[in-house]
Amino acid sequence: MAAGGRLAAKLELLHHPDLSQSLAAFQSMLELRVGHAHVITSGRAKDLFTVSRLLAFCAVSSHGDLRYAKSIFTVVERPTASMHNSMIRGFSRSAEPAEGARLYPRMLRLGISPDKFTFPFLIRCCSLLSSVELGRAIHCHVVKFGFDSDVFVANNGIAMYSSCGDMSSARRLFDLCAYAADVVLNSGSIDLARWFFDRMPSKNLVSWNAMIAGYARGRRTAEARHLFDVMPDRNAASWGALISGYAQSGLCKEALAIFKEMVGAGARPNEPGLVSAVSACAQLRALEEGEWVHRCIEEYGIEPNVTLWTALVDMYGKCGDISRALATFDAMPYRNIYSWNAIIAGLAMNGHGRQTLILFWKMLMLGQPPNAISFLGVLAACSHTGLVDEGQKLFELMTRGCGIRPLPEHYGCMVDLLGRAGLIEEAQALVEGMPFEPHAGLLGALAGACKLHGDDKLGEQLGKKLIEMEPNHGGRYALLSNIYAAARRWDDVVTVRNLLKERGVMKIAGSSMVDRQ
């Protein structure tokens, strides 16, 4: 399909009656900007429905940009209720909930009546602001406009009062709206949510699944499993919530076992469950299980979205099958920054330094801005492959060209890169110029480089400092002992070993920060 045809198809999908379908029209802000430009140049910028859908994508979609949404919103002469709702919803999920709350009086001044989609997100803004006074005022308007029996409005009201510490109001509202409150809310406390759940006169699948997900997010997997076992009915979301909870709690073997149990029960997995199962395989470095989950996706005829595609790329990379990782990445119909980071990290950890750099530059040429994780991957690749010049240029590009502030991990990669190349003075200068105190892993990388290249004076200083920082870490003693041994300072070797025994520290193999990534 030609570019014009693809754009026309995206704009057609943008007008889908179902907003959730409309939000799938674009896969990135770059695509949306192209579509927005076409809308302007074709004279459709005054079509409020089209503009409202563009605005909704920017404010609501996970691929959106709230700042861009604000720029669209501010130039509309008379924004509709739908536009206000999209902006309030976007602010309710951002670090600027006060901006969402301020939009409500503007709606009223313009003579725009709120609807049932306005209040849930407006009340959520009050929750994020911890403003029970504002929340009560909004609740009065809820009653005034007749939305007090709406399930989502009522439940957000319960959550708001709970998060603001007004439990008496939360319980009164629950008692008044119990007939409608069939969704368990994230009220800031899973135990409080359970109190509401146990008192519900009737519970549907949404209620059960919300409680299971709440326990799972809180890493209370045993309670999540108990609820799952006693619930009268289950669906894909029930299984997915349980699998995700176990995987996110680090119980990856258990998560995979539940996924296999689900498949054995004939249940069709949903996208969160599949992503969690694939991620569990990645954490376990279980390639065979990962391939089996991938086959399940194909056998069920599930079309992966970008999140699932990315999870598969990450899994193959971490399991060492870089050819499958590349093939999966190449097969993706669209990619985001997480997809690029997954393949870059996979290539880097499997020793493909040059190929990592090629893919990184390709990402830039295709217009995908890198983030801190992108640079961590390519710097690690440079470190493991000894590409000193390339690593130094990338570090400069990150700090000066992209304005990304280096994290300790970035400095660790650079110290490891310079140290392995024997550029001890440059590595030391980099450490001394950091805007924060170096941690033990970074100093360990520099001390290891000193041992490798025979700088026993600096190595001794660093080794002693590492022991001071981590007196119970046996690897620190071993590192200093090895530095002395490389310099044939046998008396000092004996002294360190005796100190190790006196302190009763267990001797373990040392590792640098970069090695642990």
Protein backbone atom coordinates (compact mmCIF):
# COMPACT_ATOMS: atom_id res chain seq x y z
CA MET A 1 0.00 0.00 0.00
CA ALA A 2 1.34 3.42 -0.92
CA ALA A 3 2.09 5.96 1.79
CA GLY A 4 -0.97 8.02 0.85
CA GLY A 5 -3.18 4.97 1.07
CA ARG A 6 -1.81 4.00 4.48
CA LEU A 7 -2.41 7.52 5.78
CA ALA A 8 -5.97 7.50 4.43
CA ALA A 9 -6.61 4.17 6.16
CA LYS A 10 -5.27 5.54 9.46
CA LEU A 11 -7.46 8.63 9.23
CA GLU A 12 -10.46 6.43 8.45
CA LEU A 13 -9.75 4.31 11.53
CA LEU A 14 -9.40 7.54 13.54
CA HIS A 15 -13.12 8.13 12.87
CA HIS A 16 -14.18 4.69 14.12
CA PRO A 17 -17.28 5.00 16.38
CA ASP A 18 -15.49 3.03 19.12
CA LEU A 19 -12.86 5.26 20.78
CA SER A 20 -10.69 2.27 21.71
CA GLN A 21 -10.51 1.33 18.02
CA SER A 22 -9.85 4.94 17.08
CA LEU A 23 -6.87 5.10 19.46
CA ALA A 24 -5.23 2.29 17.47
CA ALA A 25 -5.09 4.45 14.33
CA PHE A 26 -1.53 5.58 15.04
CA GLN A 27 1.37 3.74 16.62
CA SER A 28 3.53 6.73 17.47
CA MET A 29 3.46 10.50 17.78
CA LEU A 30 5.45 10.70 14.57
CA GLU A 31 2.59 9.04 12.70
CA LEU A 32 0.05 11.28 14.42
CA ARG A 33 1.96 14.43 13.49
CA VAL A 34 1.91 13.34 9.84
CA GLY A 35 -1.83 12.75 10.10
CA HIS A 36 -2.37 16.06 11.87
CA ALA A 37 -0.43 17.89 9.16
CA HIS A 38 -2.60 16.25 6.51
CA VAL A 39 -5.75 17.29 8.39
CA ILE A 40 -4.53 20.91 8.44
CA THR A 41 -3.40 21.06 4.79
CA SER A 42 -6.60 19.40 3.58
CA GLY A 43 -8.73 22.05 5.30
CA ARG A 44 -10.25 19.70 7.88
CA ALA A 45 -8.76 21.46 10.91
CA LYS A 46 -12.21 22.89 11.76
CA ASP A 47 -13.81 19.44 11.80
CA LEU A 48 -14.29 19.17 15.58
CA PHE A 49 -14.81 15.38 15.54
CA THR A 50 -11.52 14.79 13.72
CA VAL A 51 -9.68 17.20 16.01
CA SER A 52 -11.25 15.62 19.10
CA ARG A 53 -9.97 12.18 18.03
CA LEU A 54 -6.46 13.54 17.38
CA LEU A 55 -6.60 15.17 20.80
CA ALA A 56 -7.81 11.94 22.43
CA PHE A 57 -4.90 9.99 20.97
CA CYS A 58 -2.38 12.50 22.32
CA ALA A 59 -4.00 12.72 25.76
CA VAL A 60 -5.11 9.12 26.33
CA SER A 61 -3.07 6.71 24.22
CA SER A 62 0.05 5.08 25.67
CA HIS A 63 1.82 6.35 22.53
CA GLY A 64 0.54 9.90 23.01
CA ASP A 65 2.06 13.14 24.21
CA LEU A 66 0.09 15.28 26.67
CA ARG A 67 2.05 18.41 25.77
CA TYR A 68 1.02 18.02 22.13
CA ALA A 69 -2.56 17.48 23.28
CA LYS A 70 -2.40 20.80 25.15
CA SER A 71 -1.15 22.54 22.02
CA ILE A 72 -4.12 21.20 20.05
CA PHE A 73 -6.59 22.00 22.81
CA THR A 74 -5.49 25.61 23.24
CA VAL A 75 -6.05 26.53 19.58
CA VAL A 76 -9.63 25.19 19.45
CA GLU A 77 -11.94 28.16 19.82
CA ARG A 78 -14.70 26.26 21.60
CA PRO A 79 -13.57 22.78 22.77
CA THR A 80 -16.35 20.20 23.08
CA ALA A 81 -17.23 18.17 26.17
CA SER A 82 -15.38 15.23 24.63
CA MET A 83 -12.22 17.32 24.25
CA HIS A 84 -12.42 18.49 27.86
CA ASN A 85 -12.95 14.88 28.99
CA SER A 86 -9.89 13.70 27.06
CA MET A 87 -7.73 16.40 28.60
CA ILE A 88 -9.01 15.75 32.13
CA ARG A 89 -8.41 12.03 31.62
CA GLY A 90 -4.88 12.69 30.38
CA PHE A 91 -4.08 14.95 33.35
CA SER A 92 -5.53 12.37 35.77
CA ARG A 93 -2.78 9.98 34.60
CA SER A 94 0.01 12.56 34.68
CA ALA A 95 2.06 14.55 37.17
CA GLU A 96 -0.27 17.53 36.61
CA PRO A 97 -3.66 16.53 38.06
CA ALA A 98 -4.29 20.15 39.11
CA GLU A 99 -4.44 21.07 35.42
CA GLY A 100 -7.25 18.56 34.98
CA ALA A 101 -9.17 19.94 37.95
CA ARG A 102 -8.86 23.48 36.56
CA LEU A 103 -10.50 22.45 33.30
CA TYR A 104 -13.82 21.66 35.00
CA PRO A 105 -14.82 25.24 35.94
CA ARG A 106 -13.77 26.29 32.43
CA MET A 107 -16.27 23.78 31.03
CA LEU A 108 -19.03 25.25 33.16
CA ARG A 109 -18.14 28.83 32.20
CA LEU A 110 -18.41 27.85 28.53
CA GLY A 111 -21.86 26.42 29.17
CA ILE A 112 -20.70 22.84 28.52
CA SER A 113 -22.48 20.26 30.64
CA PRO A 114 -20.34 17.44 32.08
CA ASP A 115 -21.29 13.83 31.38
CA LYS A 116 -20.59 10.44 32.94
CA PHE A 117 -17.13 10.42 31.32
CA THR A 118 -16.14 13.71 32.96
CA PHE A 119 -16.46 12.85 36.62
CA PRO A 120 -14.48 9.58 37.09
CA PHE A 121 -11.26 11.21 35.86
CA LEU A 122 -12.02 14.54 37.53
CA ILE A 123 -12.47 12.74 40.85
CA ARG A 124 -9.23 10.87 40.21
CA CYS A 125 -7.47 14.22 39.87
CA CYS A 126 -8.80 15.11 43.33
CA SER A 127 -7.43 11.84 44.67
CA LEU A 128 -3.98 12.55 43.24
CA LEU A 129 -4.11 16.03 44.74
CA SER A 130 -5.23 14.57 48.13
CA SER A 131 -7.82 17.35 48.19
CA VAL A 132 -10.88 16.04 50.02
CA GLU A 133 -12.45 19.54 50.00
CA LEU A 134 -12.27 19.74 46.21
CA GLY A 135 -13.45 16.14 46.02
CA ARG A 136 -16.54 16.91 48.11
CA ALA A 137 -17.35 19.88 45.88
CA ILE A 138 -17.08 17.71 42.77
CA HIS A 139 -19.20 15.04 44.48
CA CYS A 140 -21.94 17.65 45.00
CA HIS A 141 -21.90 18.31 41.26
CA VAL A 142 -22.07 14.56 40.61
CA VAL A 143 -25.33 14.45 42.56
CA LYS A 144 -26.58 17.68 40.96
CA PHE A 145 -26.11 16.33 37.43
CA GLY A 146 -27.58 12.93 38.32
CA PHE A 147 -24.51 10.72 37.92
CA ASP A 148 -24.30 9.49 41.53
CA SER A 149 -25.53 6.01 40.58
CA ASP A 150 -22.97 5.54 37.78
CA VAL A 151 -20.70 2.66 38.75
CA PHE A 152 -17.42 4.27 37.69
CA VAL A 153 -18.28 7.63 39.21
CA ALA A 154 -19.33 6.00 42.50
CA ASN A 155 -16.27 3.82 42.74
CA ASN A 156 -13.89 6.66 41.96
CA GLY A 157 -15.65 8.64 44.68
CA ILE A 158 -15.06 5.82 47.18
CA ALA A 159 -11.41 5.65 46.15
CA MET A 160 -11.03 9.42 46.45
CA TYR A 161 -12.42 9.61 49.97
CA SER A 162 -10.33 6.61 50.99
CA SER A 163 -7.07 7.97 49.58
CA CYS A 164 -7.75 11.32 51.31
CA GLY A 165 -8.25 9.54 54.65
CA ASP A 166 -11.98 10.31 54.97
CA MET A 167 -13.05 6.75 55.66
CA SER A 168 -16.45 7.65 57.10
CA SER A 169 -17.45 9.36 53.83
CA ALA A 170 -16.02 6.46 51.82
CA ARG A 171 -18.09 3.93 53.76
CA ARG A 172 -21.26 6.05 53.62
CA LEU A 173 -20.90 6.39 49.86
CA PHE A 174 -20.28 2.67 49.56
CA ASP A 175 -23.42 1.88 51.57
CA LEU A 176 -25.47 4.27 49.41
CA CYS A 177 -24.09 2.94 46.14
CA ALA A 178 -23.52 -0.71 46.98
CA TYR A 179 -26.07 -1.77 44.37
CA ALA A 180 -23.94 -0.11 41.70
CA ALA A 181 -20.43 -0.60 43.10
CA ASP A 182 -19.54 -3.76 41.24
CA VAL A 183 -15.96 -2.73 40.46
CA VAL A 184 -13.30 -3.05 43.14
CA LEU A 185 -11.22 0.09 43.24
CA ASN A 186 -7.63 0.81 43.87
CA SER A 187 -8.29 2.84 47.01
CA GLY A 188 -4.65 3.00 48.05
CA SER A 189 -4.91 -0.03 50.31
CA ILE A 190 -5.59 -3.57 49.18
CA ASP A 191 -6.96 -4.42 52.62
CA LEU A 192 -9.45 -1.57 52.37
CA ALA A 193 -10.38 -2.74 48.88
CA ARG A 194 -10.96 -6.22 50.34
CA TRP A 195 -13.24 -4.70 52.99
CA PHE A 196 -15.40 -3.21 50.24
CA PHE A 197 -15.22 -6.40 48.17
CA ASP A 198 -16.40 -8.64 51.01
CA ARG A 199 -19.44 -6.39 51.59
CA MET A 200 -20.57 -6.24 47.99
CA PRO A 201 -24.06 -7.78 47.66
CA SER A 202 -23.05 -9.22 44.28
CA LYS A 203 -19.70 -9.68 42.62
CA ASN A 204 -19.05 -10.01 38.93
CA LEU A 205 -15.93 -11.10 37.07
CA VAL A 206 -14.61 -7.55 36.98
CA SER A 207 -14.76 -7.37 40.77
CA TRP A 208 -12.98 -10.69 41.26
CA ASN A 209 -10.32 -9.88 38.68
CA ALA A 210 -9.67 -6.45 40.17
CA MET A 211 -9.06 -7.99 43.61
CA ILE A 212 -6.76 -10.65 42.15
CA ALA A 213 -4.84 -7.97 40.24
CA GLY A 214 -4.63 -5.84 43.39
CA TYR A 215 -3.15 -8.65 45.44
CA ALA A 216 -0.83 -9.54 42.58
CA ARG A 217 0.45 -5.95 42.24
CA GLY A 218 1.12 -5.94 45.98
CA ARG A 219 3.13 -9.17 45.62
CA ARG A 220 0.63 -10.98 47.83
CA THR A 221 0.52 -13.90 45.44
CA ALA A 222 -0.79 -16.48 47.91
CA GLU A 223 -3.91 -14.38 48.54
CA ALA A 224 -4.28 -13.76 44.81
CA ARG A 225 -4.12 -17.52 44.18
CA HIS A 226 -6.65 -18.24 46.93
CA LEU A 227 -9.17 -15.79 45.45
CA PHE A 228 -8.53 -17.26 42.01
CA ASP A 229 -9.21 -20.77 43.29
CA VAL A 230 -12.51 -19.86 44.99
CA MET A 231 -13.96 -17.53 42.34
CA PRO A 232 -17.06 -19.03 40.73
CA ASP A 233 -16.09 -18.22 37.13
CA ARG A 234 -12.89 -17.23 35.34
CA ASN A 235 -11.94 -15.61 32.08
CA ALA A 236 -8.71 -14.72 30.30
CA ALA A 237 -8.30 -11.61 32.48
CA SER A 238 -8.43 -13.77 35.63
CA TRP A 239 -5.61 -16.00 34.39
CA GLY A 240 -3.67 -13.01 33.05
CA ALA A 241 -3.84 -11.13 36.36
CA LEU A 242 -2.55 -14.16 38.25
CA ILE A 243 0.27 -14.90 35.80
CA SER A 244 1.33 -11.26 35.76
CA GLY A 245 1.34 -11.10 39.54
CA TYR A 246 3.61 -14.10 39.91
CA ALA A 247 5.97 -12.92 37.16
CA GLN A 248 6.23 -9.41 38.60
CA SER A 249 6.96 -10.90 42.03
CA GLY A 250 9.94 -12.79 40.61
CA LEU A 251 8.15 -16.15 40.86
CA CYS A 252 8.76 -16.93 37.22
CA LYS A 253 8.65 -20.73 37.44
CA GLU A 254 5.28 -20.48 39.17
CA ALA A 255 4.05 -17.98 36.57
CA LEU A 256 4.95 -20.40 33.77
CA ALA A 257 3.29 -23.26 35.62
CA ILE A 258 0.06 -21.23 35.85
CA PHE A 259 0.29 -20.39 32.14
CA LYS A 260 0.63 -24.10 31.33
CA GLU A 261 -2.31 -24.82 33.66
CA MET A 262 -4.38 -22.26 31.75
CA VAL A 263 -3.50 -23.78 28.37
CA GLY A 264 -4.29 -27.23 29.74
CA ALA A 265 -7.69 -25.97 30.90
CA GLY A 266 -8.47 -24.86 27.35
CA ALA A 267 -8.57 -21.15 28.20
CA ARG A 268 -7.47 -18.71 25.53
CA PRO A 269 -4.78 -16.38 26.96
CA ASN A 270 -5.04 -12.61 26.74
CA GLU A 271 -2.26 -10.18 25.89
CA PRO A 272 -1.15 -9.37 29.49
CA GLY A 273 -0.94 -13.07 30.33
CA LEU A 274 1.13 -13.80 27.22
CA VAL A 275 3.47 -10.87 27.86
CA SER A 276 3.99 -12.04 31.43
CA ALA A 277 4.62 -15.63 30.34
CA VAL A 278 7.18 -14.51 27.74
CA SER A 279 8.83 -12.22 30.29
CA ALA A 280 9.02 -15.08 32.79
CA CYS A 281 10.87 -17.15 30.18
CA ALA A 282 13.24 -14.22 29.60
CA GLN A 283 14.02 -13.91 33.31
CA LEU A 284 14.59 -17.65 33.59
CA ARG A 285 16.65 -17.72 30.36
CA ALA A 286 14.33 -20.60 29.43
CA LEU A 287 14.57 -20.70 25.63
CA GLU A 288 12.58 -23.91 25.08
CA GLU A 289 9.66 -22.65 27.17
CA GLY A 290 9.86 -19.29 25.40
CA GLU A 291 9.67 -20.97 22.00
CA TRP A 292 6.66 -22.97 23.23
CA VAL A 293 4.85 -19.81 24.37
CA HIS A 294 5.64 -18.25 20.97
CA ARG A 295 4.10 -21.29 19.26
CA CYS A 296 1.02 -20.93 21.47
CA ILE A 297 0.64 -17.34 20.26
CA GLU A 298 0.76 -18.53 16.66
CA GLU A 299 -1.51 -21.53 17.22
CA TYR A 300 -4.15 -19.40 18.92
CA GLY A 301 -4.01 -17.01 15.96
CA ILE A 302 -3.22 -14.07 18.23
CA GLU A 303 -1.85 -11.05 16.37
CA PRO A 304 0.82 -9.65 18.68
CA ASN A 305 0.74 -5.96 19.51
CA VAL A 306 3.91 -3.95 19.95
CA THR A 307 4.20 -4.89 23.64
CA LEU A 308 4.03 -8.62 22.95
CA TRP A 309 6.39 -8.36 19.97
CA THR A 310 8.86 -6.50 22.17
CA ALA A 311 8.60 -9.11 24.93
CA LEU A 312 9.45 -11.83 22.37
CA VAL A 313 12.46 -9.88 21.09
CA ASP A 314 13.64 -9.37 24.66
CA MET A 315 13.16 -13.03 25.50
CA TYR A 316 15.12 -14.35 22.53
CA GLY A 317 17.90 -11.85 23.18
CA LYS A 318 18.23 -12.76 26.84
CA CYS A 319 18.09 -16.46 26.02
CA GLY A 320 21.01 -16.08 23.59
CA ASP A 321 19.11 -16.79 20.35
CA ILE A 322 20.01 -13.51 18.71
CA SER A 323 19.06 -14.70 15.21
CA ARG A 324 15.46 -15.32 16.38
CA ALA A 325 15.49 -11.99 18.20
CA LEU A 326 16.49 -10.21 14.99
CA ALA A 327 13.98 -12.16 12.90
CA THR A 328 11.20 -11.29 15.35
CA PHE A 329 12.25 -7.64 15.41
CA ASP A 330 12.33 -7.48 11.61
CA ALA A 331 8.84 -9.01 11.45
CA MET A 332 7.33 -6.29 13.65
CA PRO A 333 4.88 -4.13 11.67
CA TYR A 334 5.70 -1.16 13.91
CA ARG A 335 8.11 -0.49 16.75
CA ASN A 336 8.51 1.84 19.71
CA ILE A 337 11.52 2.83 21.81
CA TYR A 338 11.12 -0.27 23.98
CA SER A 339 11.33 -2.51 20.91
CA TRP A 340 14.54 -0.83 19.77
CA ASN A 341 16.00 -1.00 23.27
CA ALA A 342 15.20 -4.72 23.51
CA ILE A 343 17.06 -5.63 20.32
CA ILE A 344 19.97 -3.28 21.14
CA ALA A 345 20.34 -4.85 24.58
CA GLY A 346 20.08 -8.35 23.09
CA LEU A 347 22.82 -7.69 20.55
CA ALA A 348 25.01 -6.05 23.20
CA MET A 349 24.75 -8.86 25.75
CA ASN A 350 25.49 -11.45 23.05
CA GLY A 351 28.73 -9.74 21.98
CA HIS A 352 27.59 -8.19 18.70
CA GLY A 353 29.12 -4.76 19.29
CA ARG A 354 29.35 -3.50 15.72
CA GLN A 355 25.87 -4.72 14.85
CA THR A 356 24.53 -3.00 17.97
CA LEU A 357 25.96 0.32 16.78
CA ILE A 358 24.60 -0.15 13.26
CA LEU A 359 21.11 -0.77 14.63
CA PHE A 360 21.39 2.20 16.99
CA TRP A 361 22.25 4.57 14.14
CA LYS A 362 19.48 3.07 12.04
CA MET A 363 17.05 3.86 14.87
CA LEU A 364 18.18 7.48 14.83
CA MET A 365 17.88 7.75 11.05
CA LEU A 366 14.30 6.45 11.22
CA GLY A 367 13.41 9.26 13.59
CA GLN A 368 13.15 7.33 16.86
CA PRO A 369 14.76 9.40 19.64
CA PRO A 370 16.92 7.31 22.00
CA ASN A 371 16.52 7.38 25.75
CA ALA A 372 18.84 6.57 28.66
CA ILE A 373 18.27 2.82 28.25
CA SER A 374 19.19 2.98 24.55
CA PHE A 375 22.55 4.54 25.40
CA LEU A 376 23.13 2.05 28.19
CA GLY A 377 22.82 -0.75 25.64
CA VAL A 378 25.19 0.71 23.07
CA LEU A 379 27.74 1.79 25.71
CA ALA A 380 27.71 -1.72 27.16
CA ALA A 381 28.27 -3.07 23.63
CA CYS A 382 31.24 -0.73 23.20
CA SER A 383 32.61 -1.80 26.57
CA HIS A 384 32.38 -5.52 25.84
CA THR A 385 33.83 -5.11 22.33
CA GLY A 386 36.53 -2.57 23.15
CA LEU A 387 35.19 0.17 20.88
CA VAL A 388 36.74 3.08 22.78
CA ASP A 389 36.38 5.88 20.21
CA GLU A 390 32.81 4.93 19.43
CA GLY A 391 31.92 4.75 23.12
CA GLN A 392 33.36 8.18 23.84
CA LYS A 393 31.46 9.71 20.91
CA LEU A 394 28.22 8.10 22.03
CA PHE A 395 28.70 9.34 25.59
CA GLU A 396 29.17 12.86 24.25
CA LEU A 397 26.13 12.49 21.98
CA MET A 398 24.04 11.38 24.94
CA THR A 399 25.08 14.23 27.23
CA ARG A 400 25.42 17.11 24.77
CA GLY A 401 23.49 16.10 21.68
CA CYS A 402 20.46 14.52 23.37
CA GLY A 403 20.61 16.28 26.73
CA ILE A 404 20.31 13.01 28.68
CA ARG A 405 21.85 13.11 32.13
CA PRO A 406 24.10 10.06 32.61
CA LEU A 407 23.11 7.56 35.27
CA PRO A 408 25.65 5.65 37.41
CA GLU A 409 25.22 2.74 34.99
CA HIS A 410 26.37 4.89 32.05
CA TYR A 411 29.46 5.96 33.96
CA GLY A 412 30.04 2.31 34.87
CA CYS A 413 30.07 1.34 31.20
CA MET A 414 32.49 4.14 30.34
CA VAL A 415 34.83 3.34 33.24
CA ASP A 416 34.80 -0.31 32.22
CA LEU A 417 35.44 0.62 28.56
CA LEU A 418 38.33 2.96 29.35
CA GLY A 419 39.74 0.68 31.99
CA ARG A 420 39.83 -2.38 29.76
CA ALA A 421 41.65 -0.30 27.15
CA GLY A 422 44.29 0.69 29.71
CA LEU A 423 43.16 4.33 29.82
CA ILE A 424 43.27 4.39 33.60
CA GLU A 425 43.85 8.12 33.96
CA GLU A 426 40.87 8.94 31.72
CA ALA A 427 38.70 6.53 33.65
CA GLN A 428 39.80 8.02 36.97
CA ALA A 429 39.12 11.56 35.71
CA LEU A 430 35.65 10.50 34.61
CA VAL A 431 34.93 9.08 38.08
CA GLU A 432 36.22 12.20 39.83
CA GLY A 433 34.08 14.42 37.60
CA MET A 434 30.80 12.62 38.28
CA PRO A 435 28.04 14.71 39.89
CA PHE A 436 27.49 12.02 42.54
CA GLU A 437 29.55 9.76 44.73
CA PRO A 438 30.73 6.59 42.95
CA HIS A 439 29.23 3.38 44.24
CA ALA A 440 31.13 0.17 44.92
CA GLY A 441 30.35 -1.49 41.58
CA LEU A 442 31.83 1.39 39.63
CA LEU A 443 34.96 1.60 41.79
CA GLY A 444 35.27 -2.17 41.48
CA ALA A 445 35.38 -1.86 37.69
CA LEU A 446 38.15 0.73 37.95
CA ALA A 447 40.09 -1.34 40.49
CA GLY A 448 39.79 -4.38 38.21
CA ALA A 449 41.26 -2.34 35.36
CA CYS A 450 44.16 -1.32 37.62
CA LYS A 451 44.88 -4.98 38.35
CA LEU A 452 44.70 -5.85 34.66
CA HIS A 453 47.11 -3.11 33.60
CA GLY A 454 49.46 -3.15 36.58
CA ASP A 455 48.55 0.14 38.26
CA ASP A 456 48.96 -1.29 41.75
CA LYS A 457 49.18 2.13 43.46
CA LEU A 458 45.72 3.31 42.41
CA GLY A 459 44.44 -0.24 42.61
CA GLU A 460 45.55 -0.46 46.25
CA GLN A 461 43.77 2.81 47.10
CA LEU A 462 40.58 1.67 45.45
CA GLY A 463 40.78 -1.80 46.96
CA LYS A 464 41.07 -0.42 50.48
CA LYS A 465 38.21 1.99 49.88
CA LEU A 466 36.03 -0.84 48.59
CA ILE A 467 36.68 -2.85 51.76
CA GLU A 468 35.69 0.18 53.83
CA MET A 469 32.50 0.57 51.82
CA GLU A 470 31.59 -3.14 51.88
CA PRO A 471 33.45 -4.81 54.77
CA ASN A 472 31.31 -7.96 54.50
CA HIS A 473 31.80 -8.46 50.75
CA GLY A 474 34.37 -11.21 50.28
CA GLY A 475 34.97 -10.25 46.66
CA ARG A 476 36.47 -6.93 47.75
CA TYR A 477 39.14 -8.65 49.78
CA ALA A 478 39.84 -11.02 46.90
CA LEU A 479 40.28 -8.10 44.51
CA LEU A 480 42.80 -6.32 46.74
CA SER A 481 44.64 -9.59 47.34
CA ASN A 482 44.87 -10.18 43.59
CA ILE A 483 46.18 -6.64 43.03
CA TYR A 484 48.93 -7.30 45.57
CA ALA A 485 49.66 -10.70 44.03
CA ALA A 486 49.98 -9.19 40.54
CA ALA A 487 52.53 -6.75 42.00
CA ARG A 488 54.28 -9.65 43.82
CA ARG A 489 53.63 -8.03 47.21
CA TRP A 490 53.24 -11.34 48.98
CA ASP A 491 53.32 -10.01 52.53
CA ASP A 492 50.39 -7.76 51.72
CA VAL A 493 48.55 -10.72 50.19
CA VAL A 494 48.92 -12.59 53.49
CA THR A 495 47.74 -9.54 55.44
CA VAL A 496 44.53 -9.27 53.40
CA ARG A 497 43.80 -12.98 53.68
CA ASN A 498 44.33 -12.88 57.44
CA LEU A 499 41.97 -9.89 57.67
CA LEU A 500 39.40 -11.85 55.69
CA LYS A 501 39.62 -14.73 58.15
CA GLU A 502 39.58 -12.51 61.23
CA ARG A 503 36.37 -10.82 60.12
CA GLY A 504 34.77 -14.12 59.21
CA VAL A 505 33.80 -12.91 55.77
CA MET A 506 32.80 -15.55 53.25
CA LYS A 507 34.95 -15.36 50.14
CA ILE A 508 32.89 -14.91 46.97
CA ALA A 509 33.76 -14.13 43.38
CA GLY A 510 33.74 -10.42 42.61
CA SER A 511 31.87 -8.84 39.73
CA SER A 512 31.69 -5.37 38.25
CA MET A 513 28.53 -3.37 37.81
CA VAL A 514 28.68 -3.86 34.04
CA ASP A 515 29.06 -7.62 34.41
CA ARG A 516 25.85 -7.76 36.45
CA GLN A 517 23.76 -6.06 33.79
